[in-house]
N, C-alpha and C. Protein backbone atom coordinates (compact mmCIF):
# COMPACT_ATOMS: atom_id res chain seq x y z
N UNK A 1 10.60 24.56 -30.71
CA UNK A 1 9.60 23.38 -30.95
C UNK A 1 9.51 22.41 -29.62
N UNK A 2 10.54 22.23 -28.69
CA UNK A 2 10.52 21.29 -27.66
C UNK A 2 9.51 21.99 -26.89
N UNK A 3 9.33 23.29 -26.68
CA UNK A 3 8.39 23.64 -25.43
C UNK A 3 7.07 23.35 -26.02
N UNK A 4 6.85 23.67 -27.26
CA UNK A 4 5.49 23.52 -27.91
C UNK A 4 4.99 22.02 -28.03
N UNK A 5 6.07 21.15 -28.21
CA UNK A 5 5.78 19.71 -27.96
C UNK A 5 5.18 19.37 -26.60
N UNK A 6 6.09 20.01 -25.66
CA UNK A 6 5.88 19.81 -24.30
C UNK A 6 4.27 20.17 -23.96
N UNK A 7 3.98 21.25 -24.28
CA UNK A 7 2.88 21.70 -24.03
C UNK A 7 1.57 20.92 -24.42
N UNK A 8 1.80 20.69 -25.96
CA UNK A 8 0.85 19.75 -26.50
C UNK A 8 0.59 18.29 -25.83
N UNK A 9 1.76 17.78 -25.34
CA UNK A 9 1.78 16.46 -24.58
C UNK A 9 1.02 16.88 -23.26
N UNK A 10 1.32 17.81 -22.58
CA UNK A 10 0.73 18.03 -21.33
C UNK A 10 -0.87 18.29 -21.45
N UNK A 11 -1.11 18.96 -22.47
CA UNK A 11 -2.78 19.16 -22.62
C UNK A 11 -3.43 17.90 -23.34
N UNK A 12 -2.75 17.05 -23.96
CA UNK A 12 -3.46 15.58 -24.12
C UNK A 12 -3.42 14.90 -23.04
N UNK A 13 -2.29 14.93 -22.05
CA UNK A 13 -2.49 14.13 -20.80
C UNK A 13 -3.55 14.43 -20.01
N UNK A 14 -3.69 15.91 -20.16
CA UNK A 14 -4.90 16.49 -19.03
C UNK A 14 -6.53 15.78 -19.68
N UNK A 15 -6.67 15.95 -20.93
CA UNK A 15 -7.85 15.71 -21.59
C UNK A 15 -8.03 14.20 -21.29
N UNK A 16 -7.18 13.43 -21.44
CA UNK A 16 -7.08 12.05 -21.33
C UNK A 16 -7.67 11.66 -19.78
N UNK A 17 -6.99 12.34 -18.86
CA UNK A 17 -7.28 12.24 -17.65
C UNK A 17 -8.66 12.66 -17.27
N UNK A 18 -9.04 13.75 -17.87
CA UNK A 18 -10.31 14.36 -17.46
C UNK A 18 -11.36 13.30 -18.14
N UNK A 19 -11.38 12.71 -19.27
CA UNK A 19 -12.36 11.78 -19.78
C UNK A 19 -12.39 10.59 -18.58
N UNK A 20 -11.18 10.12 -18.45
CA UNK A 20 -11.21 8.83 -17.52
C UNK A 20 -11.65 9.30 -15.99
N UNK A 21 -11.81 10.43 -15.67
CA UNK A 21 -12.01 10.97 -14.39
C UNK A 21 -13.61 11.13 -14.22
N UNK A 22 -14.39 11.35 -15.40
CA UNK A 22 -15.67 11.66 -15.60
C UNK A 22 -16.62 10.84 -14.49
N UNK A 23 -16.58 9.53 -14.75
CA UNK A 23 -17.38 8.66 -13.77
C UNK A 23 -17.03 8.82 -12.46
N UNK A 24 -15.73 9.03 -12.16
CA UNK A 24 -15.26 9.21 -10.70
C UNK A 24 -15.68 10.49 -10.12
N UNK A 25 -15.66 11.67 -10.90
CA UNK A 25 -16.12 12.86 -10.51
C UNK A 25 -17.47 12.88 -9.93
N UNK A 26 -18.34 12.12 -10.82
CA UNK A 26 -19.72 12.13 -10.51
C UNK A 26 -19.96 11.45 -8.97
N UNK A 27 -18.98 10.76 -8.24
CA UNK A 27 -19.23 10.10 -7.11
C UNK A 27 -18.58 10.98 -6.14
N UNK A 28 -17.85 12.02 -6.38
CA UNK A 28 -17.17 12.81 -5.46
C UNK A 28 -18.08 14.05 -4.96
N UNK A 29 -18.14 14.29 -3.73
CA UNK A 29 -18.78 15.50 -3.24
C UNK A 29 -18.08 15.96 -2.20
N UNK A 30 -18.62 17.08 -1.25
CA UNK A 30 -18.13 17.66 -0.19
C UNK A 30 -17.48 16.78 0.96
N UNK A 31 -17.87 15.66 1.10
CA UNK A 31 -17.45 14.61 1.97
C UNK A 31 -16.10 13.82 1.52
N UNK A 32 -15.71 14.00 0.27
CA UNK A 32 -14.56 13.04 -0.16
C UNK A 32 -13.25 13.80 0.44
N UNK A 33 -12.31 12.84 0.35
CA UNK A 33 -11.02 13.31 0.77
C UNK A 33 -10.07 12.49 0.04
N UNK A 34 -9.23 13.52 -0.59
CA UNK A 34 -8.25 13.11 -1.70
C UNK A 34 -6.84 13.47 -1.35
N UNK A 35 -6.05 12.48 -1.94
CA UNK A 35 -4.65 12.90 -1.65
C UNK A 35 -4.03 12.88 -3.21
N UNK A 36 -3.39 13.98 -3.64
CA UNK A 36 -2.82 14.06 -5.00
C UNK A 36 -1.33 14.33 -4.87
N UNK A 37 -0.67 13.30 -5.10
CA UNK A 37 0.66 13.19 -5.31
C UNK A 37 1.25 13.26 -6.80
N UNK A 38 2.18 14.32 -6.81
CA UNK A 38 2.56 14.83 -8.09
C UNK A 38 1.50 15.70 -8.54
N UNK A 39 1.19 16.71 -7.81
CA UNK A 39 0.03 17.68 -8.18
C UNK A 39 0.29 18.55 -9.40
N UNK A 40 1.62 18.89 -9.49
CA UNK A 40 2.07 19.59 -10.65
C UNK A 40 1.18 21.16 -10.08
N UNK A 41 0.93 21.75 -11.32
CA UNK A 41 0.28 22.99 -11.16
C UNK A 41 -1.12 22.90 -10.83
N UNK A 42 -1.74 21.80 -10.34
CA UNK A 42 -3.16 21.67 -9.89
C UNK A 42 -3.99 21.41 -11.02
N UNK A 43 -3.92 21.12 -12.15
CA UNK A 43 -5.07 20.79 -13.11
C UNK A 43 -6.12 19.55 -12.51
N UNK A 44 -5.61 18.60 -12.06
CA UNK A 44 -6.41 17.61 -11.45
C UNK A 44 -7.18 17.87 -10.17
N UNK A 45 -6.25 18.58 -9.30
CA UNK A 45 -6.93 19.18 -8.13
C UNK A 45 -8.00 20.00 -8.33
N UNK A 46 -8.14 20.66 -9.45
CA UNK A 46 -9.05 21.73 -9.81
C UNK A 46 -10.17 20.87 -10.16
N UNK A 47 -10.10 19.85 -10.82
CA UNK A 47 -11.53 19.15 -10.90
C UNK A 47 -12.08 18.68 -9.78
N UNK A 48 -11.12 18.09 -8.83
CA UNK A 48 -11.92 17.56 -7.61
C UNK A 48 -12.44 18.78 -6.95
N UNK A 49 -11.82 19.85 -6.87
CA UNK A 49 -12.21 20.91 -6.16
C UNK A 49 -13.57 21.51 -6.61
N UNK A 50 -14.06 21.45 -7.97
CA UNK A 50 -15.29 21.87 -8.46
C UNK A 50 -16.37 20.98 -7.68
N UNK A 51 -16.02 19.63 -6.88
CA UNK A 51 -17.05 18.99 -6.21
C UNK A 51 -16.84 19.52 -4.57
N UNK A 52 -16.07 20.45 -4.54
CA UNK A 52 -15.80 20.68 -3.03
C UNK A 52 -15.20 19.66 -2.06
N UNK A 53 -14.37 18.83 -2.84
CA UNK A 53 -13.57 17.71 -2.05
C UNK A 53 -12.66 18.41 -1.25
N UNK A 54 -12.28 17.64 -0.15
CA UNK A 54 -11.01 18.21 0.55
C UNK A 54 -9.70 17.35 -0.14
N UNK A 55 -8.71 18.31 -0.05
CA UNK A 55 -7.43 17.66 -0.92
C UNK A 55 -6.25 18.03 -0.04
N UNK A 56 -5.18 16.97 -0.12
CA UNK A 56 -3.68 17.06 0.21
C UNK A 56 -2.89 16.85 -0.89
N UNK A 57 -2.32 17.98 -1.39
CA UNK A 57 -1.56 17.90 -2.48
C UNK A 57 -0.08 18.04 -2.33
N UNK A 58 0.80 17.14 -2.73
CA UNK A 58 2.33 16.93 -2.62
C UNK A 58 2.73 17.26 -4.03
N UNK A 59 3.71 18.26 -4.16
CA UNK A 59 4.51 18.72 -5.39
C UNK A 59 5.69 19.18 -5.05
N UNK A 60 6.71 18.42 -5.51
CA UNK A 60 8.00 18.61 -4.96
C UNK A 60 8.85 19.99 -5.78
N UNK A 61 8.52 19.93 -7.09
CA UNK A 61 9.18 20.97 -7.92
C UNK A 61 8.78 22.50 -7.45
N UNK A 62 9.74 23.25 -7.38
CA UNK A 62 9.66 24.63 -6.95
C UNK A 62 8.72 25.46 -7.59
N UNK A 63 9.10 25.29 -9.01
CA UNK A 63 8.34 26.40 -9.88
C UNK A 63 6.84 25.82 -10.01
N UNK A 64 6.65 24.46 -9.98
CA UNK A 64 5.13 24.03 -10.15
C UNK A 64 4.55 24.34 -8.88
N UNK A 65 5.12 23.99 -7.75
CA UNK A 65 4.60 24.23 -6.35
C UNK A 65 4.07 25.63 -6.16
N UNK A 66 5.02 26.61 -6.78
CA UNK A 66 4.48 28.08 -6.51
C UNK A 66 3.26 28.42 -7.43
N UNK A 67 3.16 27.94 -8.52
CA UNK A 67 1.98 28.00 -9.42
C UNK A 67 0.69 27.33 -8.70
N UNK A 68 0.93 26.26 -8.13
CA UNK A 68 -0.09 25.42 -7.35
C UNK A 68 -0.67 26.33 -6.30
N UNK A 69 0.13 26.82 -5.32
CA UNK A 69 -0.21 27.50 -4.40
C UNK A 69 -1.08 28.83 -4.59
N UNK A 70 -0.34 29.36 -5.72
CA UNK A 70 -0.82 30.57 -6.45
C UNK A 70 -2.41 30.52 -6.82
N UNK A 71 -2.35 29.33 -7.37
CA UNK A 71 -3.69 29.09 -8.31
C UNK A 71 -4.80 28.81 -7.26
N UNK A 72 -4.37 28.14 -5.97
CA UNK A 72 -5.57 28.08 -5.24
C UNK A 72 -5.33 28.74 -3.74
N UNK A 73 -4.82 29.82 -3.64
CA UNK A 73 -4.84 30.70 -2.64
C UNK A 73 -6.14 31.10 -2.04
N UNK A 74 -6.09 30.98 -0.71
CA UNK A 74 -7.36 31.19 -0.34
C UNK A 74 -8.53 30.21 -0.10
N UNK A 75 -8.18 29.05 -0.85
CA UNK A 75 -9.07 27.79 -0.92
C UNK A 75 -9.06 27.27 0.49
N UNK A 76 -9.87 26.85 1.24
CA UNK A 76 -9.83 26.27 2.37
C UNK A 76 -9.51 24.45 2.05
N UNK A 77 -10.20 23.94 1.09
CA UNK A 77 -10.36 22.96 0.88
C UNK A 77 -9.07 22.19 0.39
N UNK A 78 -7.91 22.96 0.18
CA UNK A 78 -6.85 22.24 -0.31
C UNK A 78 -5.58 22.70 0.51
N UNK A 79 -4.69 21.67 0.94
CA UNK A 79 -3.54 21.98 1.65
C UNK A 79 -2.58 21.32 0.79
N UNK A 80 -1.48 22.15 0.55
CA UNK A 80 -0.37 21.96 -0.40
C UNK A 80 1.05 21.68 0.50
N UNK A 81 1.81 20.86 0.00
CA UNK A 81 2.96 20.43 0.57
C UNK A 81 4.17 20.48 -0.51
N UNK A 82 5.18 21.16 -0.31
CA UNK A 82 6.22 21.39 -1.22
C UNK A 82 7.35 20.09 -1.04
N UNK A 83 6.82 18.93 -1.22
CA UNK A 83 7.69 17.79 -0.90
C UNK A 83 7.23 16.79 -1.87
N UNK A 84 8.15 15.73 -2.05
CA UNK A 84 8.21 14.62 -2.84
C UNK A 84 7.62 13.35 -1.83
N UNK A 85 7.05 12.29 -2.63
CA UNK A 85 6.67 11.10 -2.00
C UNK A 85 7.54 10.10 -2.26
N UNK A 86 7.81 9.19 -1.29
CA UNK A 86 8.83 7.99 -1.69
C UNK A 86 8.30 7.05 -0.93
N UNK A 87 9.10 5.78 -0.73
CA UNK A 87 8.93 4.63 0.46
C UNK A 87 9.44 4.81 1.46
N UNK A 88 10.10 5.97 1.85
CA UNK A 88 10.93 6.53 3.08
C UNK A 88 10.84 7.96 3.15
N UNK A 89 10.81 8.17 4.58
CA UNK A 89 11.23 9.54 4.97
C UNK A 89 12.93 9.85 4.63
N UNK A 90 13.13 10.98 3.92
CA UNK A 90 14.55 11.09 3.43
C UNK A 90 14.63 12.53 3.02
N UNK A 91 15.70 12.96 2.77
CA UNK A 91 16.12 14.06 1.88
C UNK A 91 16.53 13.52 0.51
N UNK A 92 15.99 13.81 -0.55
CA UNK A 92 16.20 13.26 -2.00
C UNK A 92 16.52 14.37 -2.90
N UNK A 93 17.37 13.84 -4.02
CA UNK A 93 17.53 14.72 -5.21
C UNK A 93 16.37 14.79 -6.14
N UNK A 94 15.74 16.04 -6.35
CA UNK A 94 14.89 16.20 -7.33
C UNK A 94 15.63 16.64 -8.76
N UNK A 95 15.54 15.66 -9.70
CA UNK A 95 16.15 15.82 -11.10
C UNK A 95 15.20 16.82 -11.91
N UNK A 96 15.88 17.58 -12.64
CA UNK A 96 14.85 18.59 -13.71
C UNK A 96 15.19 17.75 -15.12
N UNK A 97 13.99 18.29 -15.70
CA UNK A 97 13.88 17.91 -17.24
C UNK A 97 15.12 18.53 -17.95
N UNK A 98 15.44 17.85 -19.02
CA UNK A 98 16.83 17.88 -19.80
C UNK A 98 16.61 19.49 -20.41
N UNK A 99 15.40 19.99 -20.56
CA UNK A 99 15.09 21.19 -21.20
C UNK A 99 14.74 22.23 -20.08
N UNK A 100 14.78 22.11 -18.88
CA UNK A 100 14.21 22.89 -17.71
C UNK A 100 15.57 23.66 -17.16
N UNK A 101 15.45 24.82 -17.18
CA UNK A 101 16.49 25.79 -16.66
C UNK A 101 16.15 26.59 -16.02
N UNK A 102 16.86 27.58 -15.53
CA UNK A 102 16.55 28.51 -14.36
C UNK A 102 15.23 29.56 -14.85
N UNK A 103 15.10 29.75 -16.08
CA UNK A 103 14.14 30.55 -16.50
C UNK A 103 13.24 29.83 -17.58
N UNK A 104 13.13 28.45 -17.64
CA UNK A 104 12.43 27.77 -18.52
C UNK A 104 10.97 27.74 -18.21
N UNK A 105 10.22 27.13 -18.93
CA UNK A 105 8.76 27.30 -18.88
C UNK A 105 8.22 26.10 -17.87
N UNK A 106 7.19 26.27 -17.30
CA UNK A 106 6.77 25.55 -16.36
C UNK A 106 6.10 24.20 -16.79
N UNK A 107 6.00 24.17 -18.16
CA UNK A 107 5.40 22.93 -18.79
C UNK A 107 6.37 21.78 -18.62
N UNK A 108 7.78 21.84 -18.41
CA UNK A 108 8.60 20.97 -17.94
C UNK A 108 8.60 20.34 -16.77
N UNK A 109 8.06 21.06 -15.87
CA UNK A 109 7.95 20.46 -14.38
C UNK A 109 7.35 19.15 -14.10
N UNK A 110 6.53 18.72 -15.17
CA UNK A 110 5.61 17.55 -15.08
C UNK A 110 6.76 16.27 -15.20
N UNK A 111 7.96 16.51 -15.53
CA UNK A 111 8.95 15.52 -15.67
C UNK A 111 9.94 15.31 -14.46
N UNK A 112 9.94 16.27 -13.71
CA UNK A 112 10.64 16.42 -12.48
C UNK A 112 10.72 15.09 -11.76
N UNK A 113 11.78 14.59 -11.26
CA UNK A 113 11.76 13.33 -10.80
C UNK A 113 12.90 13.02 -9.62
N UNK A 114 12.73 12.05 -8.87
CA UNK A 114 13.52 11.74 -7.86
C UNK A 114 14.38 10.36 -8.05
N UNK A 115 13.95 10.05 -9.28
CA UNK A 115 14.51 8.74 -9.85
C UNK A 115 15.79 9.29 -10.89
N UNK A 116 17.17 9.20 -10.53
CA UNK A 116 18.05 9.60 -11.14
C UNK A 116 18.20 9.08 -12.68
N UNK A 117 17.76 7.70 -12.93
CA UNK A 117 18.01 7.16 -14.39
C UNK A 117 16.70 7.29 -15.23
N UNK A 118 15.85 8.35 -14.78
CA UNK A 118 14.90 8.76 -15.84
C UNK A 118 15.39 9.29 -17.06
N UNK A 119 15.07 8.82 -18.22
CA UNK A 119 15.61 9.10 -19.50
C UNK A 119 15.45 10.71 -19.97
N UNK A 120 14.56 11.16 -19.40
CA UNK A 120 14.37 12.81 -19.80
C UNK A 120 14.82 13.86 -18.68
N UNK A 121 15.55 13.33 -17.71
CA UNK A 121 15.72 14.30 -16.80
C UNK A 121 17.53 14.47 -16.99
N UNK A 122 17.96 15.63 -16.36
CA UNK A 122 19.30 15.85 -16.44
C UNK A 122 20.00 15.67 -14.99
N UNK A 123 20.70 14.54 -14.98
CA UNK A 123 21.20 14.18 -13.64
C UNK A 123 22.25 15.31 -12.90
N UNK A 124 22.55 15.97 -13.97
CA UNK A 124 23.68 17.23 -13.36
C UNK A 124 22.76 18.48 -12.83
N UNK A 125 21.55 18.59 -12.92
CA UNK A 125 20.76 19.56 -12.57
C UNK A 125 19.58 19.08 -11.60
N UNK A 126 19.79 19.27 -10.30
CA UNK A 126 18.90 18.67 -9.24
C UNK A 126 18.94 19.91 -8.12
N UNK A 127 17.96 19.55 -7.05
CA UNK A 127 17.93 20.29 -5.91
C UNK A 127 17.51 19.27 -4.95
N UNK A 128 18.05 19.44 -3.76
CA UNK A 128 17.53 18.54 -2.63
C UNK A 128 16.06 18.83 -1.97
N UNK A 129 15.16 18.05 -1.78
CA UNK A 129 14.02 18.15 -1.50
C UNK A 129 13.51 17.23 -0.27
N UNK A 130 12.81 17.41 0.60
CA UNK A 130 12.07 16.49 1.51
C UNK A 130 11.26 15.45 0.96
N UNK A 131 11.27 14.23 1.14
CA UNK A 131 10.50 13.21 0.45
C UNK A 131 9.67 12.65 1.97
N UNK A 132 8.54 12.27 1.69
CA UNK A 132 7.69 11.90 2.66
C UNK A 132 7.21 10.25 2.44
N UNK A 133 7.49 9.33 3.39
CA UNK A 133 7.11 8.09 3.24
C UNK A 133 5.42 8.19 3.21
N UNK A 134 5.19 7.87 1.97
CA UNK A 134 3.63 8.06 1.75
C UNK A 134 2.74 7.02 2.50
N UNK A 135 3.47 5.81 2.48
CA UNK A 135 2.72 4.68 3.29
C UNK A 135 2.56 4.98 4.86
N UNK A 136 3.49 5.65 5.51
CA UNK A 136 3.49 5.89 7.06
C UNK A 136 2.53 7.10 6.94
N UNK A 137 2.72 8.09 5.88
CA UNK A 137 1.78 9.39 6.07
C UNK A 137 0.39 9.03 6.02
N UNK A 138 -0.06 8.09 5.12
CA UNK A 138 -1.51 7.70 5.20
C UNK A 138 -1.79 6.99 6.53
N UNK A 139 -1.13 6.16 6.75
CA UNK A 139 -1.28 5.06 8.14
C UNK A 139 -1.64 6.06 9.31
N UNK A 140 -0.81 7.23 9.32
CA UNK A 140 -0.91 8.30 10.46
C UNK A 140 -2.02 9.08 10.40
N UNK A 141 -2.58 9.06 9.25
CA UNK A 141 -3.83 10.14 9.12
C UNK A 141 -4.99 9.41 9.88
N UNK A 142 -5.20 7.89 10.10
CA UNK A 142 -6.18 7.26 10.77
C UNK A 142 -7.53 7.72 10.00
N UNK A 143 -7.68 7.79 9.14
CA UNK A 143 -8.97 8.18 8.46
C UNK A 143 -9.02 7.62 7.04
N UNK A 144 -10.04 7.20 6.40
CA UNK A 144 -10.41 6.80 5.03
C UNK A 144 -9.99 7.91 3.97
N UNK A 145 -9.45 7.43 2.96
CA UNK A 145 -8.90 8.05 1.91
C UNK A 145 -9.75 7.63 0.70
N UNK A 146 -10.54 8.65 0.21
CA UNK A 146 -11.46 8.17 -0.78
C UNK A 146 -10.75 7.88 -2.24
N UNK A 147 -9.72 8.91 -2.49
CA UNK A 147 -8.87 8.73 -3.78
C UNK A 147 -7.57 8.97 -3.43
N UNK A 148 -6.46 8.32 -3.89
CA UNK A 148 -5.11 8.77 -3.97
C UNK A 148 -4.71 8.59 -5.40
N UNK A 149 -4.09 9.62 -5.67
CA UNK A 149 -3.68 9.87 -7.19
C UNK A 149 -2.14 9.96 -7.32
N UNK A 150 -1.65 9.21 -7.84
CA UNK A 150 0.06 9.19 -7.92
C UNK A 150 0.75 9.24 -9.26
N UNK A 151 1.31 10.55 -9.45
CA UNK A 151 1.85 10.59 -10.68
C UNK A 151 3.12 11.05 -10.37
N UNK A 152 4.14 10.29 -9.95
CA UNK A 152 5.32 10.77 -9.23
C UNK A 152 6.59 10.20 -9.82
N UNK A 153 6.38 10.07 -11.27
CA UNK A 153 7.57 10.14 -12.09
C UNK A 153 8.77 8.83 -11.81
N UNK A 154 8.14 7.68 -11.38
CA UNK A 154 8.98 6.52 -11.32
C UNK A 154 9.29 5.93 -9.93
N UNK A 155 8.68 6.91 -8.90
CA UNK A 155 8.78 6.33 -7.49
C UNK A 155 7.59 5.74 -7.16
N UNK A 156 6.64 5.45 -7.94
CA UNK A 156 5.29 4.97 -7.54
C UNK A 156 5.39 3.38 -7.37
N UNK A 157 6.41 2.61 -7.92
CA UNK A 157 6.22 1.20 -7.88
C UNK A 157 6.85 0.94 -6.25
N UNK A 158 7.95 1.61 -5.76
CA UNK A 158 8.42 1.23 -4.54
C UNK A 158 7.14 1.62 -3.48
N UNK A 159 6.52 2.78 -3.92
CA UNK A 159 5.76 3.10 -2.74
C UNK A 159 4.53 1.92 -2.88
N UNK A 160 4.01 1.63 -4.03
CA UNK A 160 2.71 0.58 -4.05
C UNK A 160 3.23 -0.71 -3.40
N UNK A 161 4.48 -0.99 -3.58
CA UNK A 161 5.09 -2.40 -3.04
C UNK A 161 4.85 -2.37 -1.42
N UNK A 162 5.24 -1.02 -0.83
CA UNK A 162 5.09 -0.88 0.73
C UNK A 162 3.84 -0.86 1.04
N UNK A 163 2.86 -0.32 0.41
CA UNK A 163 1.61 -0.07 0.60
C UNK A 163 0.56 -1.44 0.66
N UNK A 164 1.15 -2.30 -0.25
CA UNK A 164 0.54 -3.60 -0.37
C UNK A 164 1.02 -4.46 0.84
N UNK A 165 2.53 -4.33 0.83
CA UNK A 165 3.15 -5.04 2.08
C UNK A 165 2.28 -4.84 3.44
N UNK A 166 2.10 -3.49 3.69
CA UNK A 166 1.47 -3.16 4.95
C UNK A 166 0.06 -3.07 5.00
N UNK A 167 -0.65 -3.41 3.87
CA UNK A 167 -2.03 -3.60 3.64
C UNK A 167 -2.77 -2.08 3.74
N UNK A 168 -1.90 -0.96 3.57
CA UNK A 168 -2.49 0.32 3.67
C UNK A 168 -3.29 0.59 2.54
N UNK A 169 -3.25 0.04 1.33
CA UNK A 169 -4.24 0.12 0.38
C UNK A 169 -5.59 -0.11 0.54
N UNK A 170 -6.00 -0.84 1.78
CA UNK A 170 -7.14 -1.30 2.15
C UNK A 170 -7.93 -0.23 3.05
N UNK A 171 -7.20 0.90 3.09
CA UNK A 171 -7.83 2.03 3.84
C UNK A 171 -8.06 3.22 2.64
N UNK A 172 -8.01 2.76 1.40
CA UNK A 172 -8.33 3.82 0.55
C UNK A 172 -9.04 3.28 -0.58
N UNK A 173 -10.28 4.06 -1.09
CA UNK A 173 -11.25 3.67 -1.96
C UNK A 173 -10.62 3.46 -3.48
N UNK A 174 -9.77 4.18 -3.80
CA UNK A 174 -9.36 4.05 -5.38
C UNK A 174 -8.05 4.81 -5.39
N UNK A 175 -6.97 3.91 -6.03
CA UNK A 175 -5.74 4.41 -6.14
C UNK A 175 -5.46 4.39 -7.65
N UNK A 176 -5.38 5.78 -8.04
CA UNK A 176 -5.03 5.87 -9.48
C UNK A 176 -3.68 6.32 -9.81
N UNK A 177 -2.80 5.30 -10.77
CA UNK A 177 -1.38 5.53 -10.65
C UNK A 177 -0.88 5.42 -12.19
N UNK A 178 0.06 6.65 -12.41
CA UNK A 178 0.56 6.63 -13.89
C UNK A 178 2.08 5.92 -13.48
N UNK A 179 2.26 4.84 -14.48
CA UNK A 179 3.46 4.24 -14.20
C UNK A 179 4.38 4.82 -15.61
N UNK A 180 5.78 4.52 -15.29
CA UNK A 180 6.97 5.20 -15.99
C UNK A 180 7.81 4.16 -16.75
N UNK A 181 7.30 3.26 -17.10
CA UNK A 181 8.19 2.25 -17.41
C UNK A 181 8.74 2.28 -18.81
N UNK A 182 8.45 3.41 -19.69
CA UNK A 182 8.77 3.75 -20.82
C UNK A 182 9.75 4.81 -20.86
N UNK A 183 10.00 5.34 -19.56
CA UNK A 183 11.00 6.45 -19.29
C UNK A 183 12.16 5.95 -18.41
N UNK A 184 12.19 4.85 -17.81
CA UNK A 184 13.14 4.41 -16.87
C UNK A 184 13.62 3.05 -17.29
N UNK A 185 14.91 2.69 -17.49
CA UNK A 185 15.33 1.51 -18.12
C UNK A 185 15.38 0.61 -17.08
N UNK A 186 14.96 -0.59 -17.47
CA UNK A 186 14.80 -1.73 -16.45
C UNK A 186 13.41 -1.62 -15.59
N UNK A 187 12.62 -0.65 -15.74
CA UNK A 187 11.43 -0.51 -15.20
C UNK A 187 10.25 -1.27 -15.44
N UNK A 188 10.25 -1.92 -16.64
CA UNK A 188 9.13 -2.56 -17.05
C UNK A 188 9.10 -3.91 -16.23
N UNK A 189 10.30 -4.47 -15.80
CA UNK A 189 10.32 -5.64 -14.93
C UNK A 189 9.48 -5.38 -13.66
N UNK A 190 9.60 -4.15 -13.04
CA UNK A 190 9.30 -3.76 -11.64
C UNK A 190 7.56 -3.61 -11.83
N UNK A 191 7.22 -2.94 -12.97
CA UNK A 191 5.83 -2.81 -13.27
C UNK A 191 4.96 -4.06 -13.43
N UNK A 192 5.82 -5.03 -14.14
CA UNK A 192 5.23 -6.23 -14.32
C UNK A 192 5.06 -6.90 -12.96
N UNK A 193 6.01 -6.90 -12.37
CA UNK A 193 5.94 -7.66 -11.05
C UNK A 193 4.66 -6.99 -10.03
N UNK A 194 4.61 -5.93 -10.11
CA UNK A 194 3.63 -5.19 -9.20
C UNK A 194 2.22 -5.60 -9.86
N UNK A 195 2.11 -5.46 -11.13
CA UNK A 195 0.76 -6.04 -11.69
C UNK A 195 0.41 -7.44 -11.37
N UNK A 196 1.53 -8.23 -11.57
CA UNK A 196 1.27 -9.73 -11.07
C UNK A 196 0.87 -9.83 -9.50
N UNK A 197 1.36 -8.90 -8.64
CA UNK A 197 1.15 -9.01 -7.17
C UNK A 197 -0.45 -8.57 -7.23
N UNK A 198 -0.73 -7.38 -7.88
CA UNK A 198 -2.28 -7.20 -7.69
C UNK A 198 -3.10 -8.12 -8.14
N UNK A 199 -2.95 -8.93 -9.29
CA UNK A 199 -3.58 -9.78 -9.80
C UNK A 199 -3.62 -11.09 -8.90
N UNK A 200 -2.72 -11.55 -8.38
CA UNK A 200 -2.49 -12.52 -7.62
C UNK A 200 -3.40 -12.29 -6.30
N UNK A 201 -3.06 -11.20 -5.60
CA UNK A 201 -3.91 -10.77 -4.29
C UNK A 201 -5.60 -10.31 -4.66
N UNK A 202 -5.85 -10.27 -5.89
CA UNK A 202 -7.18 -9.68 -6.52
C UNK A 202 -7.62 -8.40 -5.84
N UNK A 203 -6.40 -7.61 -5.96
CA UNK A 203 -6.93 -6.08 -5.55
C UNK A 203 -7.40 -5.46 -6.56
N UNK A 204 -8.59 -4.84 -6.28
CA UNK A 204 -9.29 -4.31 -7.07
C UNK A 204 -9.23 -2.60 -7.27
N UNK A 205 -8.79 -2.00 -6.16
CA UNK A 205 -8.82 -0.48 -6.16
C UNK A 205 -7.55 0.09 -6.39
N UNK A 206 -6.66 -0.55 -6.95
CA UNK A 206 -5.30 -0.02 -7.52
C UNK A 206 -5.47 -0.14 -9.07
N UNK A 207 -5.58 1.19 -9.83
CA UNK A 207 -5.57 1.33 -11.10
C UNK A 207 -4.40 1.83 -11.92
N UNK A 208 -3.56 0.93 -12.58
CA UNK A 208 -2.24 1.44 -13.23
C UNK A 208 -2.60 2.00 -14.50
N UNK A 209 -1.54 2.76 -14.84
CA UNK A 209 -1.73 3.27 -16.28
C UNK A 209 -3.07 4.01 -16.41
N UNK A 210 -3.39 4.71 -15.53
CA UNK A 210 -4.78 5.38 -15.62
C UNK A 210 -4.94 6.57 -16.61
N UNK A 211 -3.62 6.98 -17.09
CA UNK A 211 -3.58 7.99 -18.29
C UNK A 211 -2.32 7.58 -19.25
């Protein structure tokens, strides 16, 4: 039953995302440049690729990453990195879902996180992964990013704080973020604080809770 529930929730999240992306997809074409952080198995990437956009995808979970790479093998429009994103360059522990075991289903990989106190992960089941300072990475690109999508299971607030501090968000057309305050104890305050900052600075291109 746990796996069925997880599959249903994943499918529901995809369709909600798809509906919200419809007006955005209409504006994407072959000149668009997109960064997808927490790409998982590539469902959102696939939507962008129907418009021939160029994509850089980050996915730290090894099972999801393999499916992502296999799915888009031979497609020159997407570059995949088996790395997490963070507010610093480091080696991080990636914690797996409580139901994710060596031979478990890829549906659980959507919950993998570098945040140890996320409620649906097993703090005793982890691997070390490379984490990229997303603010630095985007700054070093020296180019306009049309869309940045972040679904990074709790790491998003620290990243956004740094991008706002350094004004990196000004080099991005639209930032789509899923926040995870319901899954991380004490995270509500951090989310509320970043929302207040966004409102205070009248930032229009950061969209929180987009799914």
